Every structure is written in C-alpha cells, then in structure tokens.
Amino acid sequence: MACCTEYNGRVVSRIGAALVVLGVLSVRLGIVGVTTFLGAGFGPVGAPIWSGVMVFITGCLGLKSGKQPTHKCARTGFLTLSIFSVMTSLIQWVTSAWAVPSYCISR
C-alpha cells in the first residue's frame, strides 16, 4: 500500500490550481458583495476578499510544492497554509451568514 504514503506532486499541483481559481473567484465575488451590501453587518470587513487572498496564496504555494515535491519547506508551508485557509473560509462563512439576515432586517 505504498500509494498512500508518497507525496504526489501531480495531485498537489491540481489542488493548487483549483485553489488559485477559487481564490480569485472569492476575491471577485467579495468585491461585488462588499459594494452591494455595504451597510449590512460585517460588509465593510471584506471577509471574502481576505479569505480569497489567503486561498490564492495557498494555491500558489501548492503549485510550487507540486512542481518540487522533494522541497520539504514548500510542502510544510502548503499544508500549514491549507489549515489557515480552511479557518479563514469558515470565518468568511460565519460573517456572511451574519450579514445576510441583518441586511434583510434593515430593509
């Protein structure tokens, strides 16, 4: 069962590319959301923008880590930033979930 113990660079590169695309999408939708719901809840904080930037940086490091799978520093950095990206994404969801009802109540 050696398939599950190796660091697969191709898979990590694909995950990194997906994270880059999702990070850019989050930033773009965050800009639209902040300008649309400016007076609602945590709108001025721009959580989707900051979360998207974090996911984008993680994806770029994932691309580098996938191209050089023997580079332990890039591998460790990618896995660490992946954990932080998950946490910032959860914060984004919480702030967005908080802002939508406050926007609907204020209208």
PDB file of N, CA and C in Angstrom:
ATOM      1  N   MET A   1       0.828  -1.197   0.000  1.00  0.00           N
ATOM      2  CA  MET A   1       0.000   0.000   0.000  1.00  0.00           C
ATOM      3  C   MET A   1       0.870   1.258   0.000  1.00  0.00           C
ATOM      4  N   ALA A   2       1.839   1.324  -0.875  1.00  0.00           N
ATOM      5  CA  ALA A   2       2.728   2.478  -0.946  1.00  0.00           C
ATOM      6  C   ALA A   2       2.084   3.674  -1.629  1.00  0.00           C
ATOM      7  N   CYS A   3       0.921   3.474  -2.234  1.00  0.00           N
ATOM      8  CA  CYS A   3       0.293   4.581  -2.949  1.00  0.00           C
ATOM      9  C   CYS A   3      -0.135   5.710  -2.019  1.00  0.00           C
ATOM     10  N   CYS A   4      -0.429   5.405  -0.800  1.00  0.00           N
ATOM     11  CA  CYS A   4      -0.966   6.420   0.108  1.00  0.00           C
ATOM     12  C   CYS A   4       0.099   7.062   0.986  1.00  0.00           C
ATOM     13  N   THR A   5       1.324   6.614   0.908  1.00  0.00           N
ATOM     14  CA  THR A   5       2.360   7.165   1.771  1.00  0.00           C
ATOM     15  C   THR A   5       3.255   8.167   1.059  1.00  0.00           C
ATOM     16  N   GLU A   6       3.169   8.265  -0.252  1.00  0.00           N
ATOM     17  CA  GLU A   6       4.023   9.175  -1.003  1.00  0.00           C
ATOM     18  C   GLU A   6       3.324  10.517  -1.210  1.00  0.00           C
ATOM     19  N   TYR A   7       4.119  11.541  -1.368  1.00  0.00           N
ATOM     20  CA  TYR A   7       3.622  12.888  -1.652  1.00  0.00           C
ATOM     21  C   TYR A   7       3.504  13.010  -3.165  1.00  0.00           C
ATOM     22  N   ASN A   8       2.289  13.022  -3.678  1.00  0.00           N
ATOM     23  CA  ASN A   8       2.046  13.033  -5.116  1.00  0.00           C
ATOM     24  C   ASN A   8       2.034  14.466  -5.635  1.00  0.00           C
ATOM     25  N   GLY A   9       3.077  14.830  -6.359  1.00  0.00           N
ATOM     26  CA  GLY A   9       3.205  16.197  -6.853  1.00  0.00           C
ATOM     27  C   GLY A   9       2.137  16.589  -7.857  1.00  0.00           C
ATOM     28  N   ARG A  10       1.706  15.652  -8.704  1.00  0.00           N
ATOM     29  CA  ARG A  10       0.667  15.972  -9.697  1.00  0.00           C
ATOM     30  C   ARG A  10      -0.653  16.326  -9.023  1.00  0.00           C
ATOM     31  N   VAL A  11      -1.008  15.564  -8.017  1.00  0.00           N
ATOM     32  CA  VAL A  11      -2.258  15.834  -7.294  1.00  0.00           C
ATOM     33  C   VAL A  11      -2.182  17.175  -6.574  1.00  0.00           C
ATOM     34  N   VAL A  12      -1.053  17.453  -5.949  1.00  0.00           N
ATOM     35  CA  VAL A  12      -0.877  18.716  -5.229  1.00  0.00           C
ATOM     36  C   VAL A  12      -0.921  19.890  -6.202  1.00  0.00           C
ATOM     37  N   SER A  13      -0.350  19.725  -7.398  1.00  0.00           N
ATOM     38  CA  SER A  13      -0.405  20.790  -8.405  1.00  0.00           C
ATOM     39  C   SER A  13      -1.842  21.065  -8.835  1.00  0.00           C
ATOM     40  N   ARG A  14      -2.621  20.021  -8.997  1.00  0.00           N
ATOM     41  CA  ARG A  14      -4.032  20.206  -9.379  1.00  0.00           C
ATOM     42  C   ARG A  14      -4.835  20.864  -8.260  1.00  0.00           C
ATOM     43  N   ILE A  15      -4.567  20.469  -7.037  1.00  0.00           N
ATOM     44  CA  ILE A  15      -5.236  21.114  -5.905  1.00  0.00           C
ATOM     45  C   ILE A  15      -4.823  22.577  -5.825  1.00  0.00           C
ATOM     46  N   GLY A  16      -3.538  22.858  -6.046  1.00  0.00           N
ATOM     47  CA  GLY A  16      -3.057  24.238  -6.037  1.00  0.00           C
ATOM     48  C   GLY A  16      -3.718  25.075  -7.118  1.00  0.00           C
ATOM     49  N   ALA A  17      -3.867  24.505  -8.329  1.00  0.00           N
ATOM     50  CA  ALA A  17      -4.531  25.232  -9.414  1.00  0.00           C
ATOM     51  C   ALA A  17      -5.988  25.507  -9.073  1.00  0.00           C
ATOM     52  N   ALA A  18      -6.659  24.533  -8.474  1.00  0.00           N
ATOM     53  CA  ALA A  18      -8.053  24.746  -8.071  1.00  0.00           C
ATOM     54  C   ALA A  18      -8.151  25.829  -6.998  1.00  0.00           C
ATOM     55  N   LEU A  19      -7.210  25.842  -6.069  1.00  0.00           N
ATOM     56  CA  LEU A  19      -7.224  26.866  -5.023  1.00  0.00           C
ATOM     57  C   LEU A  19      -6.966  28.260  -5.597  1.00  0.00           C
ATOM     58  N   VAL A  20      -6.098  28.359  -6.592  1.00  0.00           N
ATOM     59  CA  VAL A  20      -5.850  29.658  -7.226  1.00  0.00           C
ATOM     60  C   VAL A  20      -7.129  30.172  -7.875  1.00  0.00           C
ATOM     61  N   VAL A  21      -7.815  29.303  -8.615  1.00  0.00           N
ATOM     62  CA  VAL A  21      -9.059  29.707  -9.285  1.00  0.00           C
ATOM     63  C   VAL A  21     -10.117  30.088  -8.254  1.00  0.00           C
ATOM     64  N   LEU A  22     -10.267  29.291  -7.213  1.00  0.00           N
ATOM     65  CA  LEU A  22     -11.263  29.588  -6.182  1.00  0.00           C
ATOM     66  C   LEU A  22     -10.921  30.850  -5.396  1.00  0.00           C
ATOM     67  N   GLY A  23      -9.641  31.108  -5.190  1.00  0.00           N
ATOM     68  CA  GLY A  23      -9.225  32.334  -4.507  1.00  0.00           C
ATOM     69  C   GLY A  23      -9.563  33.573  -5.320  1.00  0.00           C
ATOM     70  N   VAL A  24      -9.286  33.522  -6.622  1.00  0.00           N
ATOM     71  CA  VAL A  24      -9.621  34.658  -7.493  1.00  0.00           C
ATOM     72  C   VAL A  24     -11.133  34.851  -7.540  1.00  0.00           C
ATOM     73  N   LEU A  25     -11.887  33.756  -7.620  1.00  0.00           N
ATOM     74  CA  LEU A  25     -13.344  33.845  -7.639  1.00  0.00           C
ATOM     75  C   LEU A  25     -13.877  34.439  -6.338  1.00  0.00           C
ATOM     76  N   SER A  26     -13.303  34.044  -5.215  1.00  0.00           N
ATOM     77  CA  SER A  26     -13.732  34.577  -3.924  1.00  0.00           C
ATOM     78  C   SER A  26     -13.453  36.072  -3.820  1.00  0.00           C
ATOM     79  N   VAL A  27     -12.299  36.509  -4.303  1.00  0.00           N
ATOM     80  CA  VAL A  27     -11.978  37.940  -4.266  1.00  0.00           C
ATOM     81  C   VAL A  27     -12.960  38.728  -5.145  1.00  0.00           C
ATOM     82  N   ARG A  28     -13.219  38.227  -6.340  1.00  0.00           N
ATOM     83  CA  ARG A  28     -14.147  38.935  -7.235  1.00  0.00           C
ATOM     84  C   ARG A  28     -15.555  38.996  -6.655  1.00  0.00           C
ATOM     85  N   LEU A  29     -16.047  37.876  -6.157  1.00  0.00           N
ATOM     86  CA  LEU A  29     -17.383  37.883  -5.559  1.00  0.00           C
ATOM     87  C   LEU A  29     -17.407  38.691  -4.266  1.00  0.00           C
ATOM     88  N   GLY A  30     -16.303  38.711  -3.553  1.00  0.00           N
ATOM     89  CA  GLY A  30     -16.227  39.526  -2.337  1.00  0.00           C
ATOM     90  C   GLY A  30     -16.306  41.006  -2.639  1.00  0.00           C
ATOM     91  N   ILE A  31     -15.671  41.440  -3.719  1.00  0.00           N
ATOM     92  CA  ILE A  31     -15.752  42.853  -4.114  1.00  0.00           C
ATOM     93  C   ILE A  31     -17.181  43.208  -4.490  1.00  0.00           C
ATOM     94  N   VAL A  32     -17.834  42.316  -5.234  1.00  0.00           N
ATOM     95  CA  VAL A  32     -19.238  42.563  -5.598  1.00  0.00           C
ATOM     96  C   VAL A  32     -20.108  42.589  -4.348  1.00  0.00           C
ATOM     97  N   GLY A  33     -19.872  41.651  -3.428  1.00  0.00           N
ATOM     98  CA  GLY A  33     -20.678  41.594  -2.209  1.00  0.00           C
ATOM     99  C   GLY A  33     -20.485  42.802  -1.314  1.00  0.00           C
ATOM    100  N   VAL A  34     -19.255  43.254  -1.179  1.00  0.00           N
ATOM    101  CA  VAL A  34     -18.985  44.407  -0.318  1.00  0.00           C
ATOM    102  C   VAL A  34     -19.627  45.656  -0.902  1.00  0.00           C
ATOM    103  N   THR A  35     -19.554  45.836  -2.213  1.00  0.00           N
ATOM    104  CA  THR A  35     -20.155  47.031  -2.816  1.00  0.00           C
ATOM    105  C   THR A  35     -21.675  46.946  -2.821  1.00  0.00           C
ATOM    106  N   THR A  36     -22.233  45.744  -2.927  1.00  0.00           N
ATOM    107  CA  THR A  36     -23.691  45.598  -2.949  1.00  0.00           C
ATOM    108  C   THR A  36     -24.295  45.728  -1.554  1.00  0.00           C
ATOM    109  N   PHE A  37     -23.703  45.069  -0.575  1.00  0.00           N
ATOM    110  CA  PHE A  37     -24.245  45.043   0.781  1.00  0.00           C
ATOM    111  C   PHE A  37     -23.387  45.877   1.720  1.00  0.00           C
ATOM    112  N   LEU A  38     -23.091  47.093   1.332  1.00  0.00           N
ATOM    113  CA  LEU A  38     -22.154  47.925   2.092  1.00  0.00           C
ATOM    114  C   LEU A  38     -22.632  48.220   3.508  1.00  0.00           C
ATOM    115  N   GLY A  39     -23.918  48.431   3.698  1.00  0.00           N
ATOM    116  CA  GLY A  39     -24.409  48.785   5.021  1.00  0.00           C
ATOM    117  C   GLY A  39     -24.809  47.609   5.875  1.00  0.00           C
ATOM    118  N   ALA A  40     -24.573  46.391   5.423  1.00  0.00           N
ATOM    119  CA  ALA A  40     -25.079  45.215   6.123  1.00  0.00           C
ATOM    120  C   ALA A  40     -24.003  44.573   6.985  1.00  0.00           C
ATOM    121  N   GLY A  41     -24.270  44.476   8.269  1.00  0.00           N
ATOM    122  CA  GLY A  41     -23.437  43.697   9.181  1.00  0.00           C
ATOM    123  C   GLY A  41     -21.951  43.947   9.058  1.00  0.00           C
ATOM    124  N   PHE A  42     -21.238  42.912   8.704  1.00  0.00           N
ATOM    125  CA  PHE A  42     -19.786  42.959   8.595  1.00  0.00           C
ATOM    126  C   PHE A  42     -19.335  43.217   7.159  1.00  0.00           C
ATOM    127  N   GLY A  43     -20.162  43.798   6.337  1.00  0.00           N
ATOM    128  CA  GLY A  43     -19.820  44.063   4.942  1.00  0.00           C
ATOM    129  C   GLY A  43     -18.524  44.815   4.747  1.00  0.00           C
ATOM    130  N   PRO A  44     -18.276  45.889   5.509  1.00  0.00           N
ATOM    131  CA  PRO A  44     -17.031  46.635   5.314  1.00  0.00           C
ATOM    132  C   PRO A  44     -15.761  45.864   5.670  1.00  0.00           C
ATOM    133  N   VAL A  45     -15.891  44.777   6.424  1.00  0.00           N
ATOM    134  CA  VAL A  45     -14.722  43.983   6.784  1.00  0.00           C
ATOM    135  C   VAL A  45     -14.117  43.325   5.555  1.00  0.00           C
ATOM    136  N   GLY A  46     -14.947  42.899   4.618  1.00  0.00           N
ATOM    137  CA  GLY A  46     -14.469  42.269   3.390  1.00  0.00           C
ATOM    138  C   GLY A  46     -13.914  40.878   3.606  1.00  0.00           C
ATOM    139  N   ALA A  47     -14.589  40.068   4.404  1.00  0.00           N
ATOM    140  CA  ALA A  47     -14.103  38.719   4.705  1.00  0.00           C
ATOM    141  C   ALA A  47     -13.879  37.867   3.456  1.00  0.00           C
ATOM    142  N   PRO A  48     -14.769  37.912   2.454  1.00  0.00           N
ATOM    143  CA  PRO A  48     -14.490  37.098   1.258  1.00  0.00           C
ATOM    144  C   PRO A  48     -13.227  37.540   0.517  1.00  0.00           C
ATOM    145  N   ILE A  49     -12.923  38.815   0.575  1.00  0.00           N
ATOM    146  CA  ILE A  49     -11.719  39.300  -0.103  1.00  0.00           C
ATOM    147  C   ILE A  49     -10.473  38.763   0.597  1.00  0.00           C
ATOM    148  N   TRP A  50     -10.430  38.906   1.912  1.00  0.00           N
ATOM    149  CA  TRP A  50      -9.259  38.434   2.660  1.00  0.00           C
ATOM    150  C   TRP A  50      -9.134  36.918   2.606  1.00  0.00           C
ATOM    151  N   SER A  51     -10.253  36.234   2.670  1.00  0.00           N
ATOM    152  CA  SER A  51     -10.222  34.780   2.570  1.00  0.00           C
ATOM    153  C   SER A  51      -9.751  34.348   1.184  1.00  0.00           C
ATOM    154  N   GLY A  52     -10.208  35.049   0.157  1.00  0.00           N
ATOM    155  CA  GLY A  52      -9.784  34.736  -1.205  1.00  0.00           C
ATOM    156  C   GLY A  52      -8.294  34.958  -1.410  1.00  0.00           C
ATOM    157  N   VAL A  53      -7.771  36.016  -0.812  1.00  0.00           N
ATOM    158  CA  VAL A  53      -6.325  36.268  -0.903  1.00  0.00           C
ATOM    159  C   VAL A  53      -5.556  35.134  -0.229  1.00  0.00           C
ATOM    160  N   MET A  54      -6.034  34.698   0.914  1.00  0.00           N
ATOM    161  CA  MET A  54      -5.364  33.602   1.627  1.00  0.00           C
ATOM    162  C   MET A  54      -5.412  32.311   0.817  1.00  0.00           C
ATOM    163  N   VAL A  55      -6.560  32.009   0.228  1.00  0.00           N
ATOM    164  CA  VAL A  55      -6.692  30.799  -0.580  1.00  0.00           C
ATOM    165  C   VAL A  55      -5.813  30.900  -1.828  1.00  0.00           C
ATOM    166  N   PHE A  56      -5.735  32.081  -2.431  1.00  0.00           N
ATOM    167  CA  PHE A  56      -4.893  32.285  -3.607  1.00  0.00           C
ATOM    168  C   PHE A  56      -3.413  32.050  -3.277  1.00  0.00           C
ATOM    169  N   ILE A  57      -2.956  32.597  -2.168  1.00  0.00           N
ATOM    170  CA  ILE A  57      -1.560  32.403  -1.756  1.00  0.00           C
ATOM    171  C   ILE A  57      -1.295  30.925  -1.474  1.00  0.00           C
ATOM    172  N   THR A  58      -2.243  30.257  -0.835  1.00  0.00           N
ATOM    173  CA  THR A  58      -2.101  28.829  -0.576  1.00  0.00           C
ATOM    174  C   THR A  58      -2.022  28.042  -1.879  1.00  0.00           C
ATOM    175  N   GLY A  59      -2.855  28.413  -2.852  1.00  0.00           N
ATOM    176  CA  GLY A  59      -2.821  27.737  -4.148  1.00  0.00           C
ATOM    177  C   GLY A  59      -1.498  27.935  -4.865  1.00  0.00           C
ATOM    178  N   CYS A  60      -0.954  29.147  -4.802  1.00  0.00           N
ATOM    179  CA  CYS A  60       0.354  29.394  -5.432  1.00  0.00           C
ATOM    180  C   CYS A  60       1.443  28.551  -4.784  1.00  0.00           C
ATOM    181  N   LEU A  61       1.406  28.448  -3.464  1.00  0.00           N
ATOM    182  CA  LEU A  61       2.387  27.609  -2.776  1.00  0.00           C
ATOM    183  C   LEU A  61       2.151  26.134  -3.091  1.00  0.00           C
ATOM    184  N   GLY A  62       0.887  25.748  -3.296  1.00  0.00           N
ATOM    185  CA  GLY A  62       0.588  24.373  -3.696  1.00  0.00           C
ATOM    186  C   GLY A  62       1.131  24.060  -5.079  1.00  0.00           C
ATOM    187  N   LEU A  63       1.055  25.022  -5.998  1.00  0.00           N
ATOM    188  CA  LEU A  63       1.634  24.828  -7.328  1.00  0.00           C
ATOM    189  C   LEU A  63       3.148  24.649  -7.236  1.00  0.00           C
ATOM    190  N   LYS A  64       3.788  25.469  -6.415  1.00  0.00           N
ATOM    191  CA  LYS A  64       5.245  25.342  -6.238  1.00  0.00           C
ATOM    192  C   LYS A  64       5.595  24.022  -5.578  1.00  0.00           C
ATOM    193  N   SER A  65       4.825  23.639  -4.587  1.00  0.00           N
ATOM    194  CA  SER A  65       5.086  22.394  -3.881  1.00  0.00           C
ATOM    195  C   SER A  65       4.851  21.189  -4.792  1.00  0.00           C
ATOM    196  N   GLY A  66       3.889  21.291  -5.699  1.00  0.00           N
ATOM    197  CA  GLY A  66       3.640  20.190  -6.623  1.00  0.00           C
ATOM    198  C   GLY A  66       4.727  20.046  -7.672  1.00  0.00           C
ATOM    199  N   LYS A  67       5.314  21.169  -8.074  1.00  0.00           N
ATOM    200  CA  LYS A  67       6.393  21.125  -9.072  1.00  0.00           C
ATOM    201  C   LYS A  67       7.693  20.595  -8.468  1.00  0.00           C
ATOM    202  N   GLN A  68       7.901  20.858  -7.167  1.00  0.00           N
ATOM    203  CA  GLN A  68       9.108  20.395  -6.470  1.00  0.00           C
ATOM    204  C   GLN A  68       8.698  19.593  -5.237  1.00  0.00           C
ATOM    205  N   PRO A  69       8.231  18.363  -5.422  1.00  0.00           N
ATOM    206  CA  PRO A  69       7.727  17.599  -4.275  1.00  0.00           C
ATOM    207  C   PRO A  69       8.787  17.225  -3.247  1.00  0.00           C
ATOM    208  N   THR A  70      10.060  17.320  -3.610  1.00  0.00           N
ATOM    209  CA  THR A  70      11.102  16.990  -2.633  1.00  0.00           C
ATOM    210  C   THR A  70      11.466  18.179  -1.747  1.00  0.00           C
ATOM    211  N   HIS A  71      10.968  19.357  -2.069  1.00  0.00           N
ATOM    212  CA  HIS A  71      11.256  20.569  -1.295  1.00  0.00           C
ATOM    213  C   HIS A  71      10.385  20.557  -0.038  1.00  0.00           C
ATOM    214  N   LYS A  72      10.977  20.190   1.083  1.00  0.00           N
ATOM    215  CA  LYS A  72      10.192  19.992   2.315  1.00  0.00           C
ATOM    216  C   LYS A  72       9.607  21.295   2.860  1.00  0.00           C
ATOM    217  N   CYS A  73      10.295  22.395   2.651  1.00  0.00           N
ATOM    218  CA  CYS A  73       9.798  23.668   3.172  1.00  0.00           C
ATOM    219  C   CYS A  73       8.511  24.079   2.450  1.00  0.00           C
ATOM    220  N   ALA A  74       8.480  23.919   1.134  1.00  0.00           N
ATOM    221  CA  ALA A  74       7.272  24.248   0.372  1.00  0.00           C
ATOM    222  C   ALA A  74       6.125  23.314   0.744  1.00  0.00           C
ATOM    223  N   ARG A  75       6.441  22.050   0.967  1.00  0.00           N
ATOM    224  CA  ARG A  75       5.414  21.080   1.342  1.00  0.00           C
ATOM    225  C   ARG A  75       4.810  21.421   2.708  1.00  0.00           C
ATOM    226  N   THR A  76       5.672  21.729   3.668  1.00  0.00           N
ATOM    227  CA  THR A  76       5.195  22.081   5.002  1.00  0.00           C
ATOM    228  C   THR A  76       4.417  23.396   4.974  1.00  0.00           C
ATOM    229  N   GLY A  77       4.916  24.370   4.211  1.00  0.00           N
ATOM    230  CA  GLY A  77       4.209  25.641   4.098  1.00  0.00           C
ATOM    231  C   GLY A  77       2.855  25.491   3.461  1.00  0.00           C
ATOM    232  N   PHE A  78       2.766  24.655   2.426  1.00  0.00           N
ATOM    233  CA  PHE A  78       1.477  24.428   1.766  1.00  0.00           C
ATOM    234  C   PHE A  78       0.476  23.793   2.722  1.00  0.00           C
ATOM    235  N   LEU A  79       0.908  22.780   3.442  1.00  0.00           N
ATOM    236  CA  LEU A  79      -0.013  22.117   4.360  1.00  0.00           C
ATOM    237  C   LEU A  79      -0.425  23.033   5.514  1.00  0.00           C
ATOM    238  N   THR A  80       0.497  23.858   5.996  1.00  0.00           N
ATOM    239  CA  THR A  80       0.171  24.806   7.066  1.00  0.00           C
ATOM    240  C   THR A  80      -0.797  25.880   6.579  1.00  0.00           C
ATOM    241  N   LEU A  81      -0.504  26.444   5.408  1.00  0.00           N
ATOM    242  CA  LEU A  81      -1.405  27.468   4.868  1.00  0.00           C
ATOM    243  C   LEU A  81      -2.765  26.891   4.499  1.00  0.00           C
ATOM    244  N   SER A  82      -2.810  25.608   4.173  1.00  0.00           N
ATOM    245  CA  SER A  82      -4.106  24.976   3.892  1.00  0.00           C
ATOM    246  C   SER A  82      -4.985  24.986   5.131  1.00  0.00           C
ATOM    247  N   ILE A  83      -4.385  24.743   6.279  1.00  0.00           N
ATOM    248  CA  ILE A  83      -5.145  24.785   7.535  1.00  0.00           C
ATOM    249  C   ILE A  83      -5.642  26.201   7.801  1.00  0.00           C
ATOM    250  N   PHE A  84      -4.776  27.205   7.604  1.00  0.00           N
ATOM    251  CA  PHE A  84      -5.194  28.594   7.802  1.00  0.00           C
ATOM    252  C   PHE A  84      -6.260  29.007   6.786  1.00  0.00           C
ATOM    253  N   SER A  85      -6.186  28.493   5.574  1.00  0.00           N
ATOM    254  CA  SER A  85      -7.197  28.813   4.562  1.00  0.00           C
ATOM    255  C   SER A  85      -8.561  28.254   4.958  1.00  0.00           C
ATOM    256  N   VAL A  86      -8.566  27.064   5.513  1.00  0.00           N
ATOM    257  CA  VAL A  86      -9.826  26.490   5.987  1.00  0.00           C
ATOM    258  C   VAL A  86     -10.412  27.360   7.099  1.00  0.00           C
ATOM    259  N   MET A  87      -9.558  27.826   8.011  1.00  0.00           N
ATOM    260  CA  MET A  87     -10.048  28.669   9.109  1.00  0.00           C
ATOM    261  C   MET A  87     -10.571  30.004   8.598  1.00  0.00           C
ATOM    262  N   THR A  88      -9.870  30.638   7.646  1.00  0.00           N
ATOM    263  CA  THR A  88     -10.364  31.911   7.122  1.00  0.00           C
ATOM    264  C   THR A  88     -11.641  31.716   6.307  1.00  0.00           C
ATOM    265  N   SER A  89     -11.769  30.568   5.654  1.00  0.00           N
ATOM    266  CA  SER A  89     -13.003  30.298   4.916  1.00  0.00           C
ATOM    267  C   SER A  89     -14.185  30.117   5.865  1.00  0.00           C
ATOM    268  N   LEU A  90     -13.938  29.477   6.999  1.00  0.00           N
ATOM    269  CA  LEU A  90     -15.003  29.341   7.999  1.00  0.00           C
ATOM    270  C   LEU A  90     -15.400  30.707   8.556  1.00  0.00           C
ATOM    271  N   ILE A  91     -14.420  31.563   8.798  1.00  0.00           N
ATOM    272  CA  ILE A  91     -14.729  32.915   9.263  1.00  0.00           C
ATOM    273  C   ILE A  91     -15.523  33.670   8.205  1.00  0.00           C
ATOM    274  N   GLN A  92     -15.175  33.466   6.941  1.00  0.00           N
ATOM    275  CA  GLN A  92     -15.918  34.107   5.849  1.00  0.00           C
ATOM    276  C   GLN A  92     -17.369  33.645   5.862  1.00  0.00           C
ATOM    277  N   TRP A  93     -17.595  32.365   6.018  1.00  0.00           N
ATOM    278  CA  TRP A  93     -18.961  31.856   6.035  1.00  0.00           C
ATOM    279  C   TRP A  93     -19.748  32.410   7.226  1.00  0.00           C
ATOM    280  N   VAL A  94     -19.122  32.488   8.380  1.00  0.00           N
ATOM    281  CA  VAL A  94     -19.816  32.992   9.574  1.00  0.00           C
ATOM    282  C   VAL A  94     -20.184  34.462   9.394  1.00  0.00           C
ATOM    283  N   THR A  95     -19.245  35.273   8.923  1.00  0.00           N
ATOM    284  CA  THR A  95     -19.551  36.691   8.741  1.00  0.00           C
ATOM    285  C   THR A  95     -20.588  36.902   7.648  1.00  0.00           C
ATOM    286  N   SER A  96     -20.551  36.097   6.615  1.00  0.00           N
ATOM    287  CA  SER A  96     -21.560  36.216   5.559  1.00  0.00           C
ATOM    288  C   SER A  96     -22.931  35.786   6.069  1.00  0.00           C
ATOM    289  N   ALA A  97     -22.951  34.713   6.847  1.00  0.00           N
ATOM    290  CA  ALA A  97     -24.227  34.255   7.405  1.00  0.00           C
ATOM    291  C   ALA A  97     -24.790  35.269   8.391  1.00  0.00           C
ATOM    292  N   TRP A  98     -23.924  36.012   9.052  1.00  0.00           N
ATOM    293  CA  TRP A  98     -24.372  37.040   9.984  1.00  0.00           C
ATOM    294  C   TRP A  98     -24.890  38.264   9.227  1.00  0.00           C
ATOM    295  N   ALA A  99     -24.267  38.591   8.109  1.00  0.00           N
ATOM    296  CA  ALA A  99     -24.596  39.822   7.375  1.00  0.00           C
ATOM    297  C   ALA A  99     -25.907  39.700   6.591  1.00  0.00           C
ATOM    298  N   VAL A 100     -26.230  38.529   6.071  1.00  0.00           N
ATOM    299  CA  VAL A 100     -27.423  38.401   5.237  1.00  0.00           C
ATOM    300  C   VAL A 100     -28.696  38.671   6.033  1.00  0.00           C
ATOM    301  N   PRO A 101     -28.914  38.075   7.218  1.00  0.00           N
ATOM    302  CA  PRO A 101     -30.127  38.416   7.953  1.00  0.00           C
ATOM    303  C   PRO A 101     -30.176  39.871   8.403  1.00  0.00           C
ATOM    304  N   SER A 102     -29.023  40.447   8.755  1.00  0.00           N
ATOM    305  CA  SER A 102     -29.046  41.850   9.180  1.00  0.00           C
ATOM    306  C   SER A 102     -29.368  42.764   8.006  1.00  0.00           C
ATOM    307  N   TYR A 103     -28.989  42.373   6.809  1.00  0.00           N
ATOM    308  CA  TYR A 103     -29.328  43.155   5.623  1.00  0.00           C
ATOM    309  C   TYR A 103     -30.829  43.057   5.351  1.00  0.00           C
ATOM    310  N   CYS A 104     -31.382  41.853   5.496  1.00  0.00           N
ATOM    311  CA  CYS A 104     -32.815  41.665   5.227  1.00  0.00           C
ATOM    312  C   CYS A 104     -33.675  42.378   6.283  1.00  0.00           C
ATOM    313  N   ILE A 105     -33.231  42.407   7.536  1.00  0.00           N
ATOM    314  CA  ILE A 105     -33.986  43.078   8.588  1.00  0.00           C
ATOM    315  C   ILE A 105     -33.943  44.594   8.410  1.00  0.00           C
ATOM    316  N   SER A 106     -32.802  45.123   7.964  1.00  0.00           N
ATOM    317  CA  SER A 106     -32.658  46.568   7.842  1.00  0.00           C
ATOM    318  C   SER A 106     -33.422  47.128   6.643  1.00  0.00           C
ATOM    319  N   ARG A 107     -33.849  46.292   5.752  1.00  0.00           N
ATOM    320  CA  ARG A 107     -34.585  46.771   4.566  1.00  0.00           C
ATOM    321  C   ARG A 107     -36.005  46.900   4.890  1.00  0.00           C
TER     322      ARG A 107
END
